[in-house]
């Protein structure tokens, strides 16, 4: 469950499928526009499990993207910067 106590807007992400970070493989990464917090979770039997807060924090997080090698990136609408999240 996501409440406004965690932030203001969920920014959808991607499932990590790269090879550089095996512990992150198969996890769905998403974040919050206002807090900049990034979380990840796994899906098992159609349910979200093992949700965790990631160490990356990106102010005004507006979007995620995926590189050709499977690395995950995030963009800040405030700074216009691109950040590598995992991979």
N, C-alpha and C. Protein backbone atom coordinates (compact mmCIF):
# COMPACT_ATOMS: atom_id res chain seq x y z
N UNK A 1 0.84 -1.17 0.00
CA UNK A 1 0.00 0.00 0.00
C UNK A 1 0.89 1.24 0.00
N UNK A 2 0.50 2.23 -0.76
CA UNK A 2 1.25 3.47 -0.88
C UNK A 2 0.39 4.61 -0.36
N UNK A 3 0.86 5.30 0.66
CA UNK A 3 0.10 6.43 1.19
C UNK A 3 0.86 7.72 0.95
N UNK A 4 0.17 8.83 1.08
CA UNK A 4 0.82 10.13 0.88
C UNK A 4 1.80 10.46 2.00
N UNK A 5 1.87 9.65 3.02
CA UNK A 5 2.90 9.83 4.04
C UNK A 5 4.27 9.48 3.48
N UNK A 6 4.31 8.66 2.43
CA UNK A 6 5.57 8.27 1.79
C UNK A 6 6.01 9.27 0.73
N UNK A 7 5.11 10.07 0.21
CA UNK A 7 5.44 11.02 -0.84
C UNK A 7 4.19 11.56 -1.48
N UNK A 8 4.31 11.99 -2.75
CA UNK A 8 3.15 12.61 -3.38
C UNK A 8 2.71 11.94 -4.68
N UNK A 9 3.61 11.21 -5.33
CA UNK A 9 3.27 10.66 -6.64
C UNK A 9 4.18 9.49 -6.98
N UNK A 10 3.59 8.35 -7.28
CA UNK A 10 4.38 7.19 -7.66
C UNK A 10 4.88 7.36 -9.09
N UNK A 11 6.17 7.16 -9.27
CA UNK A 11 6.77 7.15 -10.60
C UNK A 11 7.11 5.72 -10.92
N UNK A 12 6.41 5.16 -11.90
CA UNK A 12 6.60 3.77 -12.27
C UNK A 12 7.98 3.52 -12.84
N UNK A 13 8.40 2.30 -12.81
CA UNK A 13 9.75 1.98 -13.22
C UNK A 13 9.84 0.76 -14.10
N UNK A 14 10.85 -0.06 -13.83
CA UNK A 14 11.17 -1.22 -14.65
C UNK A 14 11.58 -2.39 -13.77
N UNK A 15 11.47 -3.56 -14.35
CA UNK A 15 12.03 -4.76 -13.74
C UNK A 15 13.47 -4.88 -14.22
N UNK A 16 14.39 -5.02 -13.29
CA UNK A 16 15.81 -5.13 -13.65
C UNK A 16 16.10 -6.50 -14.24
N UNK A 17 16.66 -6.53 -15.45
CA UNK A 17 16.99 -7.78 -16.13
C UNK A 17 18.46 -7.83 -16.54
N UNK A 18 19.26 -6.89 -16.03
CA UNK A 18 20.68 -6.86 -16.36
C UNK A 18 21.45 -7.95 -15.64
N UNK A 19 22.74 -8.02 -15.94
CA UNK A 19 23.59 -9.05 -15.33
C UNK A 19 24.59 -8.48 -14.34
N UNK A 20 24.74 -7.15 -14.29
CA UNK A 20 25.77 -6.54 -13.45
C UNK A 20 25.45 -6.59 -11.95
N UNK A 21 24.18 -6.70 -11.60
CA UNK A 21 23.78 -6.72 -10.19
C UNK A 21 22.84 -7.90 -9.95
N UNK A 22 23.38 -9.11 -9.79
CA UNK A 22 22.54 -10.31 -9.65
C UNK A 22 21.51 -10.23 -8.51
N UNK A 23 21.83 -9.56 -7.42
CA UNK A 23 20.89 -9.47 -6.30
C UNK A 23 19.65 -8.64 -6.65
N UNK A 24 19.75 -7.80 -7.67
CA UNK A 24 18.63 -6.95 -8.08
C UNK A 24 17.81 -7.58 -9.21
N UNK A 25 18.30 -8.67 -9.78
CA UNK A 25 17.63 -9.28 -10.94
C UNK A 25 16.18 -9.66 -10.61
N UNK A 26 15.27 -9.24 -11.47
CA UNK A 26 13.86 -9.57 -11.30
C UNK A 26 13.09 -8.64 -10.37
N UNK A 27 13.76 -7.67 -9.78
CA UNK A 27 13.09 -6.72 -8.89
C UNK A 27 12.52 -5.56 -9.71
N UNK A 28 11.33 -5.09 -9.33
CA UNK A 28 10.70 -3.94 -9.95
C UNK A 28 11.10 -2.70 -9.16
N UNK A 29 11.67 -1.71 -9.84
CA UNK A 29 12.11 -0.46 -9.21
C UNK A 29 11.13 0.64 -9.54
N UNK A 30 10.75 1.43 -8.53
CA UNK A 30 9.84 2.56 -8.70
C UNK A 30 10.18 3.61 -7.65
N UNK A 31 9.62 4.80 -7.78
CA UNK A 31 9.98 5.85 -6.83
C UNK A 31 8.89 6.87 -6.63
N UNK A 32 9.25 7.95 -5.95
CA UNK A 32 8.31 9.03 -5.65
C UNK A 32 8.87 10.36 -6.11
N UNK A 33 8.05 11.13 -6.80
CA UNK A 33 8.44 12.43 -7.34
C UNK A 33 8.91 13.39 -6.24
N UNK A 34 8.15 13.51 -5.17
CA UNK A 34 8.44 14.54 -4.15
C UNK A 34 9.54 14.14 -3.18
N UNK A 35 9.52 12.92 -2.69
CA UNK A 35 10.52 12.52 -1.71
C UNK A 35 11.83 12.07 -2.36
N UNK A 36 11.76 11.64 -3.62
CA UNK A 36 12.95 11.13 -4.31
C UNK A 36 13.34 9.72 -3.90
N UNK A 37 12.54 9.12 -3.03
CA UNK A 37 12.81 7.76 -2.56
C UNK A 37 12.59 6.77 -3.70
N UNK A 38 13.47 5.77 -3.77
CA UNK A 38 13.32 4.68 -4.72
C UNK A 38 13.15 3.39 -3.93
N UNK A 39 12.15 2.60 -4.32
CA UNK A 39 11.90 1.31 -3.71
C UNK A 39 12.02 0.22 -4.77
N UNK A 40 12.14 -1.01 -4.32
CA UNK A 40 12.05 -2.14 -5.24
C UNK A 40 11.27 -3.26 -4.55
N UNK A 41 10.74 -4.14 -5.36
CA UNK A 41 10.00 -5.28 -4.84
C UNK A 41 10.09 -6.43 -5.83
N UNK A 42 9.72 -7.59 -5.38
CA UNK A 42 9.61 -8.76 -6.24
C UNK A 42 8.13 -9.14 -6.31
N UNK A 43 7.76 -9.82 -7.37
CA UNK A 43 6.40 -10.32 -7.50
C UNK A 43 6.45 -11.84 -7.47
N UNK A 44 5.68 -12.42 -6.56
CA UNK A 44 5.57 -13.88 -6.45
C UNK A 44 4.10 -14.25 -6.42
N UNK A 45 3.71 -15.14 -7.30
CA UNK A 45 2.31 -15.58 -7.36
C UNK A 45 1.34 -14.42 -7.45
N UNK A 46 1.73 -13.40 -8.23
CA UNK A 46 0.86 -12.25 -8.44
C UNK A 46 0.79 -11.27 -7.30
N UNK A 47 1.66 -11.41 -6.31
CA UNK A 47 1.65 -10.50 -5.15
C UNK A 47 3.01 -9.83 -5.00
N UNK A 48 2.99 -8.57 -4.60
CA UNK A 48 4.22 -7.84 -4.32
C UNK A 48 4.78 -8.32 -2.98
N UNK A 49 6.05 -8.73 -2.99
CA UNK A 49 6.71 -9.20 -1.77
C UNK A 49 8.09 -8.57 -1.66
N UNK A 50 8.65 -8.63 -0.49
CA UNK A 50 10.03 -8.19 -0.26
C UNK A 50 10.29 -6.76 -0.73
N UNK A 51 9.37 -5.84 -0.39
CA UNK A 51 9.59 -4.44 -0.75
C UNK A 51 10.70 -3.88 0.11
N UNK A 52 11.60 -3.12 -0.50
CA UNK A 52 12.68 -2.50 0.26
C UNK A 52 12.96 -1.10 -0.28
N UNK A 53 13.49 -0.27 0.59
CA UNK A 53 13.91 1.07 0.20
C UNK A 53 15.34 0.98 -0.30
N UNK A 54 15.59 1.51 -1.48
CA UNK A 54 16.92 1.47 -2.07
C UNK A 54 17.75 2.66 -1.57
N UNK A 55 19.06 2.56 -1.71
CA UNK A 55 19.94 3.62 -1.21
C UNK A 55 19.92 4.87 -2.09
N UNK A 56 19.57 4.72 -3.34
CA UNK A 56 19.50 5.89 -4.24
C UNK A 56 18.32 6.77 -3.87
N UNK A 57 18.54 8.08 -3.94
CA UNK A 57 17.48 9.06 -3.71
C UNK A 57 17.66 10.14 -4.76
N UNK A 58 16.61 10.43 -5.52
CA UNK A 58 16.71 11.38 -6.63
C UNK A 58 15.59 12.41 -6.51
N UNK A 59 15.97 13.65 -6.24
CA UNK A 59 14.99 14.72 -6.10
C UNK A 59 14.23 14.95 -7.40
N UNK A 60 12.93 15.14 -7.28
CA UNK A 60 12.03 15.38 -8.41
C UNK A 60 12.15 14.28 -9.46
N UNK A 61 12.13 13.05 -8.98
CA UNK A 61 12.20 11.86 -9.83
C UNK A 61 11.01 11.84 -10.78
N UNK A 62 11.29 11.85 -12.08
CA UNK A 62 10.18 11.94 -13.04
C UNK A 62 10.03 10.74 -13.95
N UNK A 63 11.08 9.95 -14.15
CA UNK A 63 10.97 8.83 -15.07
C UNK A 63 12.12 7.85 -14.87
N UNK A 64 11.89 6.63 -15.32
CA UNK A 64 12.92 5.61 -15.35
C UNK A 64 13.17 5.20 -16.79
N UNK A 65 14.32 4.62 -17.04
CA UNK A 65 14.64 4.09 -18.35
C UNK A 65 15.57 2.91 -18.22
N UNK A 66 15.72 2.19 -19.32
CA UNK A 66 16.54 0.99 -19.34
C UNK A 66 17.56 1.08 -20.46
N UNK A 67 18.82 0.78 -20.15
CA UNK A 67 19.88 0.78 -21.14
C UNK A 67 19.92 -0.53 -21.90
N UNK A 68 20.68 -0.57 -22.99
CA UNK A 68 20.76 -1.79 -23.80
C UNK A 68 21.36 -2.99 -23.05
N UNK A 69 22.13 -2.70 -22.00
CA UNK A 69 22.72 -3.78 -21.19
C UNK A 69 21.84 -4.17 -20.01
N UNK A 70 20.65 -3.57 -19.91
CA UNK A 70 19.73 -3.88 -18.82
C UNK A 70 19.86 -2.96 -17.63
N UNK A 71 20.84 -2.05 -17.63
CA UNK A 71 21.00 -1.10 -16.52
C UNK A 71 19.75 -0.23 -16.42
N UNK A 72 19.39 0.16 -15.19
CA UNK A 72 18.24 1.02 -14.98
C UNK A 72 18.71 2.43 -14.64
N UNK A 73 18.03 3.41 -15.22
CA UNK A 73 18.34 4.82 -15.04
C UNK A 73 17.10 5.55 -14.55
N UNK A 74 17.33 6.71 -13.93
CA UNK A 74 16.23 7.57 -13.51
C UNK A 74 16.58 9.01 -13.88
N UNK A 75 15.53 9.80 -14.10
CA UNK A 75 15.69 11.19 -14.51
C UNK A 75 15.05 12.10 -13.48
N UNK A 76 15.72 13.22 -13.20
CA UNK A 76 15.18 14.26 -12.33
C UNK A 76 14.66 15.40 -13.20
N UNK A 77 13.38 15.72 -13.08
CA UNK A 77 12.83 16.83 -13.83
C UNK A 77 13.36 18.16 -13.29
N UNK A 78 13.78 18.19 -12.03
CA UNK A 78 14.30 19.41 -11.43
C UNK A 78 15.67 19.79 -11.94
N UNK A 79 16.59 18.81 -11.98
CA UNK A 79 17.95 19.10 -12.41
C UNK A 79 18.19 18.76 -13.87
N UNK A 80 17.30 17.94 -14.43
CA UNK A 80 17.51 17.48 -15.81
C UNK A 80 18.60 16.42 -15.91
N UNK A 81 19.01 15.89 -14.78
CA UNK A 81 20.09 14.91 -14.76
C UNK A 81 19.58 13.48 -14.91
N UNK A 82 20.46 12.64 -15.45
CA UNK A 82 20.21 11.22 -15.61
C UNK A 82 21.10 10.47 -14.61
N UNK A 83 20.51 9.54 -13.87
CA UNK A 83 21.24 8.81 -12.84
C UNK A 83 21.14 7.31 -13.10
N UNK A 84 22.24 6.59 -12.90
CA UNK A 84 22.20 5.12 -12.96
C UNK A 84 21.71 4.64 -11.61
N UNK A 85 20.65 3.84 -11.61
CA UNK A 85 20.06 3.32 -10.38
C UNK A 85 20.62 1.96 -10.05
N UNK A 86 20.71 1.09 -11.04
CA UNK A 86 21.25 -0.25 -10.83
C UNK A 86 21.83 -0.77 -12.14
N UNK A 87 22.91 -1.53 -12.02
CA UNK A 87 23.53 -2.12 -13.21
C UNK A 87 24.74 -1.42 -13.53
